[in-house]
Amino acid sequence: QNSLENSLRAETGDVLHRPIGSSAKKWPHLDPITFIPAQTTPF
């Protein structure tokens, strides 16, 4: 992604406007969190 975006910068000389947000870094997120199930009480 960095290589291709740098190529676009070299081609146009303009500020890039990337759609659909950031994809160049891994942000800490919600996946390490889980819910606690009710099984023996509460049900």
PDB file of all heavy atoms in Angstrom:
ATOM      1  N   GLN A   1       0.822  -1.206   0.000  1.00  0.00           N
ATOM      2  CA  GLN A   1       0.000   0.000   0.000  1.00  0.00           C
ATOM      3  C   GLN A   1       0.857   1.258   0.000  1.00  0.00           C
ATOM      4  O   GLN A   1       0.601   2.205  -0.761  1.00  0.00           O
ATOM      5  CB  GLN A   1      -0.930   0.005   1.217  1.00  0.00           C
ATOM      6  CG  GLN A   1      -1.856   1.221   1.244  1.00  0.00           C
ATOM      7  CD  GLN A   1      -2.862   1.146   2.363  1.00  0.00           C
ATOM      8  OE1 GLN A   1      -3.316   0.068   2.715  1.00  0.00           O
ATOM      9  NE2 GLN A   1      -3.212   2.283   2.924  1.00  0.00           N
ATOM     10  N   ASN A   2       1.890   1.288   0.847  1.00  0.00           N
ATOM     11  CA  ASN A   2       2.774   2.460   0.875  1.00  0.00           C
ATOM     12  C   ASN A   2       3.458   2.676  -0.470  1.00  0.00           C
ATOM     13  O   ASN A   2       3.595   3.815  -0.941  1.00  0.00           O
ATOM     14  CB  ASN A   2       3.836   2.304   1.966  1.00  0.00           C
ATOM     15  CG  ASN A   2       3.244   2.400   3.360  1.00  0.00           C
ATOM     16  OD1 ASN A   2       2.175   2.971   3.544  1.00  0.00           O
ATOM     17  ND2 ASN A   2       3.936   1.843   4.334  1.00  0.00           N
ATOM     18  N   SER A   3       3.888   1.585  -1.086  1.00  0.00           N
ATOM     19  CA  SER A   3       4.571   1.690  -2.383  1.00  0.00           C
ATOM     20  C   SER A   3       3.646   2.270  -3.446  1.00  0.00           C
ATOM     21  O   SER A   3       4.026   3.174  -4.207  1.00  0.00           O
ATOM     22  CB  SER A   3       5.068   0.307  -2.837  1.00  0.00           C
ATOM     23  OG  SER A   3       5.991  -0.221  -1.914  1.00  0.00           O
ATOM     24  N   LEU A   4       2.407   1.758  -3.505  1.00  0.00           N
ATOM     25  CA  LEU A   4       1.469   2.237  -4.509  1.00  0.00           C
ATOM     26  C   LEU A   4       1.034   3.671  -4.238  1.00  0.00           C
ATOM     27  O   LEU A   4       0.910   4.477  -5.169  1.00  0.00           O
ATOM     28  CB  LEU A   4       0.257   1.303  -4.566  1.00  0.00           C
ATOM     29  CG  LEU A   4       0.554  -0.132  -5.018  1.00  0.00           C
ATOM     30  CD1 LEU A   4      -0.717  -0.978  -4.991  1.00  0.00           C
ATOM     31  CD2 LEU A   4       1.167  -0.153  -6.409  1.00  0.00           C
ATOM     32  N   GLU A   5       0.815   4.008  -2.968  1.00  0.00           N
ATOM     33  CA  GLU A   5       0.421   5.388  -2.647  1.00  0.00           C
ATOM     34  C   GLU A   5       1.558   6.364  -2.944  1.00  0.00           C
ATOM     35  O   GLU A   5       1.311   7.484  -3.417  1.00  0.00           O
ATOM     36  CB  GLU A   5      -0.028   5.491  -1.195  1.00  0.00           C
ATOM     37  CG  GLU A   5      -1.386   4.832  -0.950  1.00  0.00           C
ATOM     38  CD  GLU A   5      -1.906   5.028   0.459  1.00  0.00           C
ATOM     39  OE1 GLU A   5      -1.136   5.508   1.328  1.00  0.00           O
ATOM     40  OE2 GLU A   5      -3.086   4.721   0.707  1.00  0.00           O
ATOM     41  N   ASN A   6       2.795   5.965  -2.688  1.00  0.00           N
ATOM     42  CA  ASN A   6       3.923   6.836  -3.030  1.00  0.00           C
ATOM     43  C   ASN A   6       4.040   7.019  -4.540  1.00  0.00           C
ATOM     44  O   ASN A   6       4.428   8.087  -5.026  1.00  0.00           O
ATOM     45  CB  ASN A   6       5.233   6.268  -2.466  1.00  0.00           C
ATOM     46  CG  ASN A   6       5.416   6.610  -0.992  1.00  0.00           C
ATOM     47  OD1 ASN A   6       4.703   7.457  -0.453  1.00  0.00           O
ATOM     48  ND2 ASN A   6       6.365   5.954  -0.343  1.00  0.00           N
ATOM     49  N   SER A   7       3.694   5.991  -5.299  1.00  0.00           N
ATOM     50  CA  SER A   7       3.701   6.108  -6.760  1.00  0.00           C
ATOM     51  C   SER A   7       2.646   7.119  -7.223  1.00  0.00           C
ATOM     52  O   SER A   7       2.890   7.908  -8.144  1.00  0.00           O
ATOM     53  CB  SER A   7       3.425   4.744  -7.411  1.00  0.00           C
ATOM     54  OG  SER A   7       4.514   3.868  -7.198  1.00  0.00           O
ATOM     55  N   LEU A   8       1.476   7.114  -6.562  1.00  0.00           N
ATOM     56  CA  LEU A   8       0.446   8.099  -6.911  1.00  0.00           C
ATOM     57  C   LEU A   8       0.893   9.510  -6.550  1.00  0.00           C
ATOM     58  O   LEU A   8       0.607  10.468  -7.282  1.00  0.00           O
ATOM     59  CB  LEU A   8      -0.863   7.758  -6.202  1.00  0.00           C
ATOM     60  CG  LEU A   8      -1.545   6.454  -6.632  1.00  0.00           C
ATOM     61  CD1 LEU A   8      -2.791   6.203  -5.790  1.00  0.00           C
ATOM     62  CD2 LEU A   8      -1.921   6.507  -8.104  1.00  0.00           C
ATOM     63  N   ARG A   9       1.599   9.664  -5.427  1.00  0.00           N
ATOM     64  CA  ARG A   9       2.138  10.981  -5.074  1.00  0.00           C
ATOM     65  C   ARG A   9       3.134  11.463  -6.126  1.00  0.00           C
ATOM     66  O   ARG A   9       3.140  12.631  -6.525  1.00  0.00           O
ATOM     67  CB  ARG A   9       2.819  10.917  -3.705  1.00  0.00           C
ATOM     68  CG  ARG A   9       1.873  10.697  -2.528  1.00  0.00           C
ATOM     69  CD  ARG A   9       2.625  10.683  -1.197  1.00  0.00           C
ATOM     70  NE  ARG A   9       1.695  10.567  -0.068  1.00  0.00           N
ATOM     71  CZ  ARG A   9       1.450   9.451   0.603  1.00  0.00           C
ATOM     72  NH1 ARG A   9       2.093   8.321   0.267  1.00  0.00           N
ATOM     73  NH2 ARG A   9       0.603   9.435   1.591  1.00  0.00           N
ATOM     74  N   ALA A  10       3.982  10.530  -6.577  1.00  0.00           N
ATOM     75  CA  ALA A  10       4.984  10.874  -7.593  1.00  0.00           C
ATOM     76  C   ALA A  10       4.342  11.212  -8.931  1.00  0.00           C
ATOM     77  O   ALA A  10       4.859  12.026  -9.697  1.00  0.00           O
ATOM     78  CB  ALA A  10       5.973   9.718  -7.763  1.00  0.00           C
ATOM     79  N   GLU A  11       3.194  10.603  -9.210  1.00  0.00           N
ATOM     80  CA  GLU A  11       2.510  10.830 -10.482  1.00  0.00           C
ATOM     81  C   GLU A  11       1.812  12.183 -10.534  1.00  0.00           C
ATOM     82  O   GLU A  11       1.898  12.906 -11.529  1.00  0.00           O
ATOM     83  CB  GLU A  11       1.474   9.713 -10.704  1.00  0.00           C
ATOM     84  CG  GLU A  11       0.596   9.891 -11.934  1.00  0.00           C
ATOM     85  CD  GLU A  11       1.358   9.777 -13.244  1.00  0.00           C
ATOM     86  OE1 GLU A  11       2.462   9.178 -13.254  1.00  0.00           O
ATOM     87  OE2 GLU A  11       0.846  10.296 -14.252  1.00  0.00           O
ATOM     88  N   THR A  12       1.120  12.548  -9.425  1.00  0.00           N
ATOM     89  CA  THR A  12       0.269  13.741  -9.476  1.00  0.00           C
ATOM     90  C   THR A  12       0.870  14.981  -8.823  1.00  0.00           C
ATOM     91  O   THR A  12       0.581  16.102  -9.239  1.00  0.00           O
ATOM     92  CB  THR A  12      -1.073  13.453  -8.779  1.00  0.00           C
ATOM     93  OG1 THR A  12      -0.842  13.238  -7.374  1.00  0.00           O
ATOM     94  CG2 THR A  12      -1.747  12.225  -9.374  1.00  0.00           C
ATOM     95  N   GLY A  13       1.672  14.800  -7.806  1.00  0.00           N
ATOM     96  CA  GLY A  13       2.179  15.949  -7.054  1.00  0.00           C
ATOM     97  C   GLY A  13       1.134  16.568  -6.146  1.00  0.00           C
ATOM     98  O   GLY A  13       1.373  17.593  -5.511  1.00  0.00           O
ATOM     99  N   ASP A  14      -0.057  15.943  -6.072  1.00  0.00           N
ATOM    100  CA  ASP A  14      -1.148  16.464  -5.242  1.00  0.00           C
ATOM    101  C   ASP A  14      -1.265  15.668  -3.944  1.00  0.00           C
ATOM    102  O   ASP A  14      -0.767  14.544  -3.840  1.00  0.00           O
ATOM    103  CB  ASP A  14      -2.484  16.372  -5.995  1.00  0.00           C
ATOM    104  CG  ASP A  14      -2.507  17.251  -7.230  1.00  0.00           C
ATOM    105  OD1 ASP A  14      -1.866  18.319  -7.195  1.00  0.00           O
ATOM    106  OD2 ASP A  14      -3.166  16.870  -8.216  1.00  0.00           O
ATOM    107  N   VAL A  15      -1.966  16.266  -2.980  1.00  0.00           N
ATOM    108  CA  VAL A  15      -2.278  15.538  -1.750  1.00  0.00           C
ATOM    109  C   VAL A  15      -3.237  14.401  -2.088  1.00  0.00           C
ATOM    110  O   VAL A  15      -4.244  14.605  -2.771  1.00  0.00           O
ATOM    111  CB  VAL A  15      -2.936  16.474  -0.713  1.00  0.00           C
ATOM    112  CG1 VAL A  15      -3.425  15.687   0.504  1.00  0.00           C
ATOM    113  CG2 VAL A  15      -1.948  17.550  -0.276  1.00  0.00           C
ATOM    114  N   LEU A  16      -2.919  13.183  -1.634  1.00  0.00           N
ATOM    115  CA  LEU A  16      -3.797  12.043  -1.880  1.00  0.00           C
ATOM    116  C   LEU A  16      -5.070  12.155  -1.040  1.00  0.00           C
ATOM    117  O   LEU A  16      -5.054  12.742   0.045  1.00  0.00           O
ATOM    118  CB  LEU A  16      -3.093  10.732  -1.514  1.00  0.00           C
ATOM    119  CG  LEU A  16      -1.902  10.290  -2.362  1.00  0.00           C
ATOM    120  CD1 LEU A  16      -1.442   8.918  -1.906  1.00  0.00           C
ATOM    121  CD2 LEU A  16      -2.245  10.280  -3.829  1.00  0.00           C
ATOM    122  N   HIS A  17      -6.147  11.594  -1.537  1.00  0.00           N
ATOM    123  CA  HIS A  17      -7.386  11.481  -0.769  1.00  0.00           C
ATOM    124  C   HIS A  17      -7.843  10.033  -0.832  1.00  0.00           C
ATOM    125  O   HIS A  17      -8.515   9.614  -1.748  1.00  0.00           O
ATOM    126  CB  HIS A  17      -8.449  12.432  -1.317  1.00  0.00           C
ATOM    127  CG  HIS A  17      -8.215  13.847  -0.911  1.00  0.00           C
ATOM    128  ND1 HIS A  17      -7.317  14.661  -1.565  1.00  0.00           N
ATOM    129  CD2 HIS A  17      -8.725  14.584   0.109  1.00  0.00           C
ATOM    130  CE1 HIS A  17      -7.299  15.845  -0.986  1.00  0.00           C
ATOM    131  NE2 HIS A  17      -8.136  15.826   0.041  1.00  0.00           N
ATOM    132  N   ARG A  18      -7.440   9.272   0.183  1.00  0.00           N
ATOM    133  CA  ARG A  18      -7.725   7.836   0.231  1.00  0.00           C
ATOM    134  C   ARG A  18      -9.147   7.587   0.750  1.00  0.00           C
ATOM    135  O   ARG A  18      -9.543   8.149   1.769  1.00  0.00           O
ATOM    136  CB  ARG A  18      -6.727   7.148   1.153  1.00  0.00           C
ATOM    137  CG  ARG A  18      -6.935   5.629   1.262  1.00  0.00           C
ATOM    138  CD  ARG A  18      -6.384   5.080   2.556  1.00  0.00           C
ATOM    139  NE  ARG A  18      -4.956   5.241   2.651  1.00  0.00           N
ATOM    140  CZ  ARG A  18      -4.319   5.332   3.821  1.00  0.00           C
ATOM    141  NH1 ARG A  18      -4.968   5.296   4.957  1.00  0.00           N
ATOM    142  NH2 ARG A  18      -3.008   5.475   3.846  1.00  0.00           N
ATOM    143  N   PRO A  19      -9.923   6.742   0.079  1.00  0.00           N
ATOM    144  CA  PRO A  19     -11.264   6.405   0.573  1.00  0.00           C
ATOM    145  C   PRO A  19     -11.242   5.285   1.614  1.00  0.00           C
ATOM    146  O   PRO A  19     -10.248   4.580   1.754  1.00  0.00           O
ATOM    147  CB  PRO A  19     -11.987   5.948  -0.695  1.00  0.00           C
ATOM    148  CG  PRO A  19     -10.899   5.377  -1.543  1.00  0.00           C
ATOM    149  CD  PRO A  19      -9.654   6.178  -1.248  1.00  0.00           C
ATOM    150  N   ILE A  20     -12.326   5.156   2.346  1.00  0.00           N
ATOM    151  CA  ILE A  20     -12.591   4.061   3.284  1.00  0.00           C
ATOM    152  C   ILE A  20     -11.555   3.988   4.406  1.00  0.00           C
ATOM    153  O   ILE A  20     -11.171   2.924   4.875  1.00  0.00           O
ATOM    154  CB  ILE A  20     -12.698   2.688   2.567  1.00  0.00           C
ATOM    155  CG1 ILE A  20     -13.528   2.825   1.308  1.00  0.00           C
ATOM    156  CG2 ILE A  20     -13.365   1.655   3.463  1.00  0.00           C
ATOM    157  CD1 ILE A  20     -14.985   3.197   1.521  1.00  0.00           C
ATOM    158  N   GLY A  21     -11.057   5.121   4.871  1.00  0.00           N
ATOM    159  CA  GLY A  21     -10.318   5.184   6.126  1.00  0.00           C
ATOM    160  C   GLY A  21      -8.922   4.599   6.125  1.00  0.00           C
ATOM    161  O   GLY A  21      -8.329   4.311   5.096  1.00  0.00           O
ATOM    162  N   SER A  22      -8.404   4.418   7.349  1.00  0.00           N
ATOM    163  CA  SER A  22      -7.036   3.956   7.537  1.00  0.00           C
ATOM    164  C   SER A  22      -6.943   2.448   7.406  1.00  0.00           C
ATOM    165  O   SER A  22      -7.759   1.713   7.927  1.00  0.00           O
ATOM    166  CB  SER A  22      -6.533   4.358   8.925  1.00  0.00           C
ATOM    167  OG  SER A  22      -5.261   3.810   9.168  1.00  0.00           O
ATOM    168  N   SER A  23      -5.933   2.001   6.666  1.00  0.00           N
ATOM    169  CA  SER A  23      -5.690   0.558   6.573  1.00  0.00           C
ATOM    170  C   SER A  23      -4.202   0.264   6.705  1.00  0.00           C
ATOM    171  O   SER A  23      -3.759  -0.855   6.533  1.00  0.00           O
ATOM    172  CB  SER A  23      -6.205   0.027   5.232  1.00  0.00           C
ATOM    173  OG  SER A  23      -5.589   0.721   4.161  1.00  0.00           O
ATOM    174  N   ALA A  24      -3.443   1.297   6.999  1.00  0.00           N
ATOM    175  CA  ALA A  24      -1.989   1.148   7.015  1.00  0.00           C
ATOM    176  C   ALA A  24      -1.457   0.736   8.391  1.00  0.00           C
ATOM    177  O   ALA A  24      -0.282   0.483   8.540  1.00  0.00           O
ATOM    178  CB  ALA A  24      -1.320   2.452   6.575  1.00  0.00           C
ATOM    179  N   LYS A  25      -2.324   0.706   9.395  1.00  0.00           N
ATOM    180  CA  LYS A  25      -1.843   0.309  10.719  1.00  0.00           C
ATOM    181  C   LYS A  25      -2.889  -0.554  11.408  1.00  0.00           C
ATOM    182  O   LYS A  25      -4.070  -0.514  11.075  1.00  0.00           O
ATOM    183  CB  LYS A  25      -1.523   1.526  11.572  1.00  0.00           C
ATOM    184  CG  LYS A  25      -2.724   2.388  11.930  1.00  0.00           C
ATOM    185  CD  LYS A  25      -2.405   3.352  13.054  1.00  0.00           C
ATOM    186  CE  LYS A  25      -1.308   4.307  12.658  1.00  0.00           C
ATOM    187  NZ  LYS A  25      -1.014   5.279  13.717  1.00  0.00           N
ATOM    188  N   LYS A  26      -2.439  -1.338  12.367  1.00  0.00           N
ATOM    189  CA  LYS A  26      -3.318  -2.190  13.155  1.00  0.00           C
ATOM    190  C   LYS A  26      -3.604  -1.485  14.475  1.00  0.00           C
ATOM    191  O   LYS A  26      -2.717  -1.328  15.314  1.00  0.00           O
ATOM    192  CB  LYS A  26      -2.665  -3.562  13.401  1.00  0.00           C
ATOM    193  CG  LYS A  26      -2.415  -4.369  12.140  1.00  0.00           C
ATOM    194  CD  LYS A  26      -3.704  -4.800  11.485  1.00  0.00           C
ATOM    195  CE  LYS A  26      -3.445  -5.673  10.263  1.00  0.00           C
ATOM    196  NZ  LYS A  26      -4.698  -6.047   9.569  1.00  0.00           N
ATOM    197  N   TRP A  27      -4.845  -1.028  14.633  1.00  0.00           N
ATOM    198  CA  TRP A  27      -5.224  -0.352  15.862  1.00  0.00           C
ATOM    199  C   TRP A  27      -5.653  -1.387  16.912  1.00  0.00           C
ATOM    200  O   TRP A  27      -6.261  -2.397  16.576  1.00  0.00           O
ATOM    201  CB  TRP A  27      -6.414   0.569  15.605  1.00  0.00           C
ATOM    202  CG  TRP A  27      -6.172   1.696  14.649  1.00  0.00           C
ATOM    203  CD1 TRP A  27      -6.235   1.629  13.296  1.00  0.00           C
ATOM    204  CD2 TRP A  27      -5.869   3.049  14.972  1.00  0.00           C
ATOM    205  NE1 TRP A  27      -5.990   2.866  12.753  1.00  0.00           N
ATOM    206  CE2 TRP A  27      -5.758   3.761  13.765  1.00  0.00           C
ATOM    207  CE3 TRP A  27      -5.681   3.738  16.171  1.00  0.00           C
ATOM    208  CZ2 TRP A  27      -5.477   5.122  13.711  1.00  0.00           C
ATOM    209  CZ3 TRP A  27      -5.402   5.090  16.121  1.00  0.00           C
ATOM    210  CH2 TRP A  27      -5.294   5.771  14.909  1.00  0.00           C
ATOM    211  N   PRO A  28      -5.384  -1.131  18.198  1.00  0.00           N
ATOM    212  CA  PRO A  28      -5.979  -1.977  19.242  1.00  0.00           C
ATOM    213  C   PRO A  28      -7.494  -1.917  19.096  1.00  0.00           C
ATOM    214  O   PRO A  28      -8.061  -0.841  18.874  1.00  0.00           O
ATOM    215  CB  PRO A  28      -5.526  -1.312  20.546  1.00  0.00           C
ATOM    216  CG  PRO A  28      -4.332  -0.507  20.170  1.00  0.00           C
ATOM    217  CD  PRO A  28      -4.547  -0.056  18.757  1.00  0.00           C
ATOM    218  N   HIS A  29      -8.152  -3.072  19.193  1.00  0.00           N
ATOM    219  CA  HIS A  29      -9.589  -3.054  18.919  1.00  0.00           C
ATOM    220  C   HIS A  29     -10.336  -3.962  19.888  1.00  0.00           C
ATOM    221  O   HIS A  29      -9.814  -4.313  20.947  1.00  0.00           O
ATOM    222  CB  HIS A  29      -9.840  -3.438  17.464  1.00  0.00           C
ATOM    223  CG  HIS A  29     -11.136  -2.929  16.904  1.00  0.00           C
ATOM    224  ND1 HIS A  29     -11.675  -1.713  17.243  1.00  0.00           N
ATOM    225  CD2 HIS A  29     -12.006  -3.489  16.015  1.00  0.00           C
ATOM    226  CE1 HIS A  29     -12.815  -1.537  16.590  1.00  0.00           C
ATOM    227  NE2 HIS A  29     -13.045  -2.604  15.847  1.00  0.00           N
ATOM    228  N   LEU A  30     -11.521  -4.377  19.509  1.00  0.00           N
ATOM    229  CA  LEU A  30     -12.448  -5.039  20.421  1.00  0.00           C
ATOM    230  C   LEU A  30     -12.355  -6.560  20.415  1.00  0.00           C
ATOM    231  O   LEU A  30     -12.979  -7.215  21.254  1.00  0.00           O
ATOM    232  CB  LEU A  30     -13.885  -4.628  20.053  1.00  0.00           C
ATOM    233  CG  LEU A  30     -14.172  -3.130  20.188  1.00  0.00           C
ATOM    234  CD1 LEU A  30     -15.264  -2.713  19.209  1.00  0.00           C
ATOM    235  CD2 LEU A  30     -14.571  -2.789  21.609  1.00  0.00           C
ATOM    236  N   ASP A  31     -11.600  -7.130  19.498  1.00  0.00           N
ATOM    237  CA  ASP A  31     -11.586  -8.584  19.353  1.00  0.00           C
ATOM    238  C   ASP A  31     -11.053  -9.338  20.572  1.00  0.00           C
ATOM    239  O   ASP A  31     -11.511 -10.464  20.832  1.00  0.00           O
ATOM    240  CB  ASP A  31     -10.808  -8.976  18.096  1.00  0.00           C
ATOM    241  CG  ASP A  31     -11.496  -8.469  16.833  1.00  0.00           C
ATOM    242  OD1 ASP A  31     -12.745  -8.442  16.822  1.00  0.00           O
ATOM    243  OD2 ASP A  31     -10.808  -8.088  15.881  1.00  0.00           O
ATOM    244  N   PRO A  32     -10.090  -8.795  21.354  1.00  0.00           N
ATOM    245  CA  PRO A  32      -9.635  -9.526  22.548  1.00  0.00           C
ATOM    246  C   PRO A  32     -10.643  -9.557  23.693  1.00  0.00           C
ATOM    247  O   PRO A  32     -10.403 -10.176  24.722  1.00  0.00           O
ATOM    248  CB  PRO A  32      -8.374  -8.754  22.971  1.00  0.00           C
ATOM    249  CG  PRO A  32      -7.977  -7.954  21.782  1.00  0.00           C
ATOM    250  CD  PRO A  32      -9.252  -7.607  21.091  1.00  0.00           C
ATOM    251  N   ILE A  33     -11.771  -8.883  23.516  1.00  0.00           N
ATOM    252  CA  ILE A  33     -12.800  -8.827  24.559  1.00  0.00           C
ATOM    253  C   ILE A  33     -13.904  -9.834  24.223  1.00  0.00           C
ATOM    254  O   ILE A  33     -14.313  -9.952  23.067  1.00  0.00           O
ATOM    255  CB  ILE A  33     -13.411  -7.414  24.648  1.00  0.00           C
ATOM    256  CG1 ILE A  33     -12.325  -6.370  24.945  1.00  0.00           C
ATOM    257  CG2 ILE A  33     -14.508  -7.350  25.703  1.00  0.00           C
ATOM    258  CD1 ILE A  33     -12.801  -4.945  24.790  1.00  0.00           C
ATOM    259  N   THR A  34     -14.392 -10.558  25.227  1.00  0.00           N
ATOM    260  CA  THR A  34     -15.506 -11.491  25.016  1.00  0.00           C
ATOM    261  C   THR A  34     -16.564 -11.297  26.106  1.00  0.00           C
ATOM    262  O   THR A  34     -16.281 -10.762  27.183  1.00  0.00           O
ATOM    263  CB  THR A  34     -15.040 -12.955  25.015  1.00  0.00           C
ATOM    264  OG1 THR A  34     -14.344 -13.235  26.244  1.00  0.00           O
ATOM    265  CG2 THR A  34     -14.111 -13.241  23.840  1.00  0.00           C
ATOM    266  N   PHE A  35     -17.786 -11.751  25.798  1.00  0.00           N
ATOM    267  CA  PHE A  35     -18.894 -11.658  26.744  1.00  0.00           C
ATOM    268  C   PHE A  35     -18.888 -12.870  27.685  1.00  0.00           C
ATOM    269  O   PHE A  35     -18.380 -13.939  27.349  1.00  0.00           O
ATOM    270  CB  PHE A  35     -20.228 -11.619  25.988  1.00  0.00           C
ATOM    271  CG  PHE A  35     -20.397 -10.402  25.123  1.00  0.00           C
ATOM    272  CD1 PHE A  35     -20.318 -10.504  23.744  1.00  0.00           C
ATOM    273  CD2 PHE A  35     -20.639  -9.151  25.683  1.00  0.00           C
ATOM    274  CE1 PHE A  35     -20.474  -9.394  22.931  1.00  0.00           C
ATOM    275  CE2 PHE A  35     -20.802  -8.041  24.883  1.00  0.00           C
ATOM    276  CZ  PHE A  35     -20.719  -8.149  23.500  1.00  0.00           C
ATOM    277  N   ILE A  36     -19.487 -12.694  28.853  1.00  0.00           N
ATOM    278  CA  ILE A  36     -19.608 -13.773  29.831  1.00  0.00           C
ATOM    279  C   ILE A  36     -20.987 -14.424  29.681  1.00  0.00           C
ATOM    280  O   ILE A  36     -22.008 -13.757  29.831  1.00  0.00           O
ATOM    281  CB  ILE A  36     -19.439 -13.243  31.266  1.00  0.00           C
ATOM    282  CG1 ILE A  36     -18.054 -12.600  31.429  1.00  0.00           C
ATOM    283  CG2 ILE A  36     -19.631 -14.371  32.280  1.00  0.00           C
ATOM    284  CD1 ILE A  36     -17.859 -11.898  32.763  1.00  0.00           C
ATOM    285  N   PRO A  37     -21.040 -15.713  29.375  1.00  0.00           N
ATOM    286  CA  PRO A  37     -22.343 -16.372  29.184  1.00  0.00           C
ATOM    287  C   PRO A  37     -23.017 -16.715  30.510  1.00  0.00           C
ATOM    288  O   PRO A  37     -22.359 -16.952  31.524  1.00  0.00           O
ATOM    289  CB  PRO A  37     -21.966 -17.639  28.414  1.00  0.00           C
ATOM    290  CG  PRO A  37     -20.577 -17.945  28.879  1.00  0.00           C
ATOM    291  CD  PRO A  37     -19.910 -16.619  29.110  1.00  0.00           C
ATOM    292  N   ALA A  38     -24.337 -16.743  30.483  1.00  0.00           N
ATOM    293  CA  ALA A  38     -25.125 -17.242  31.616  1.00  0.00           C
ATOM    294  C   ALA A  38     -25.415 -18.715  31.359  1.00  0.00           C
ATOM    295  O   ALA A  38     -25.952 -19.067  30.315  1.00  0.00           O
ATOM    296  CB  ALA A  38     -26.426 -16.458  31.732  1.00  0.00           C
ATOM    297  N   GLN A  39     -25.055 -19.597  32.330  1.00  0.00           N
ATOM    298  CA  GLN A  39     -25.240 -21.024  32.104  1.00  0.00           C
ATOM    299  C   GLN A  39     -25.842 -21.734  33.307  1.00  0.00           C
ATOM    300  O   GLN A  39     -26.907 -22.356  33.201  1.00  0.00           O
ATOM    301  CB  GLN A  39     -23.898 -21.673  31.702  1.00  0.00           C
ATOM    302  CG  GLN A  39     -23.375 -21.143  30.371  1.00  0.00           C
ATOM    303  CD  GLN A  39     -22.074 -21.780  29.953  1.00  0.00           C
ATOM    304  OE1 GLN A  39     -22.041 -22.708  29.155  1.00  0.00           O
ATOM    305  NE2 GLN A  39     -20.979 -21.275  30.499  1.00  0.00           N
ATOM    306  N   THR A  40     -25.168 -21.643  34.463  1.00  0.00           N
ATOM    307  CA  THR A  40     -25.650 -22.385  35.627  1.00  0.00           C
ATOM    308  C   THR A  40     -26.486 -21.530  36.568  1.00  0.00           C
ATOM    309  O   THR A  40     -27.294 -22.050  37.328  1.00  0.00           O
ATOM    310  CB  THR A  40     -24.469 -22.977  36.411  1.00  0.00           C
ATOM    311  OG1 THR A  40     -23.555 -21.908  36.756  1.00  0.00           O
ATOM    312  CG2 THR A  40     -23.749 -24.002  35.568  1.00  0.00           C
ATOM    313  N   THR A  41     -26.291 -20.273  36.612  1.00  0.00           N
ATOM    314  CA  THR A  41     -27.128 -19.249  37.251  1.00  0.00           C
ATOM    315  C   THR A  41     -26.337 -17.951  37.233  1.00  0.00           C
ATOM    316  O   THR A  41     -25.163 -17.943  37.644  1.00  0.00           O
ATOM    317  CB  THR A  41     -27.549 -19.587  38.699  1.00  0.00           C
ATOM    318  OG1 THR A  41     -28.494 -18.602  39.147  1.00  0.00           O
ATOM    319  CG2 THR A  41     -26.379 -19.601  39.671  1.00  0.00           C
ATOM    320  N   PRO A  42     -26.933 -16.894  36.668  1.00  0.00           N
ATOM    321  CA  PRO A  42     -28.253 -16.882  36.034  1.00  0.00           C
ATOM    322  C   PRO A  42     -28.289 -17.791  34.808  1.00  0.00           C
ATOM    323  O   PRO A  42     -27.255 -18.245  34.324  1.00  0.00           O
ATOM    324  CB  PRO A  42     -28.441 -15.413  35.647  1.00  0.00           C
ATOM    325  CG  PRO A  42     -27.055 -14.904  35.435  1.00  0.00           C
ATOM    326  CD  PRO A  42     -26.218 -15.614  36.466  1.00  0.00           C
ATOM    327  N   PHE A  43     -29.501 -18.010  34.311  1.00  0.00           N
ATOM    328  CA  PHE A  43     -29.695 -18.885  33.165  1.00  0.00           C
ATOM    329  C   PHE A  43     -29.935 -18.058  31.898  1.00  0.00           C
ATOM    330  O   PHE A  43     -30.338 -16.899  31.960  1.00  0.00           O
ATOM    331  CB  PHE A  43     -30.884 -19.818  33.412  1.00  0.00           C
ATOM    332  CG  PHE A  43     -30.740 -20.650  34.647  1.00  0.00           C
ATOM    333  CD1 PHE A  43     -31.557 -20.442  35.745  1.00  0.00           C
ATOM    334  CD2 PHE A  43     -29.763 -21.637  34.717  1.00  0.00           C
ATOM    335  CE1 PHE A  43     -31.415 -21.209  36.894  1.00  0.00           C
ATOM    336  CE2 PHE A  43     -29.613 -22.408  35.856  1.00  0.00           C
ATOM    337  CZ  PHE A  43     -30.432 -22.198  36.948  1.00  0.00           C
TER     338      PHE A  43
END
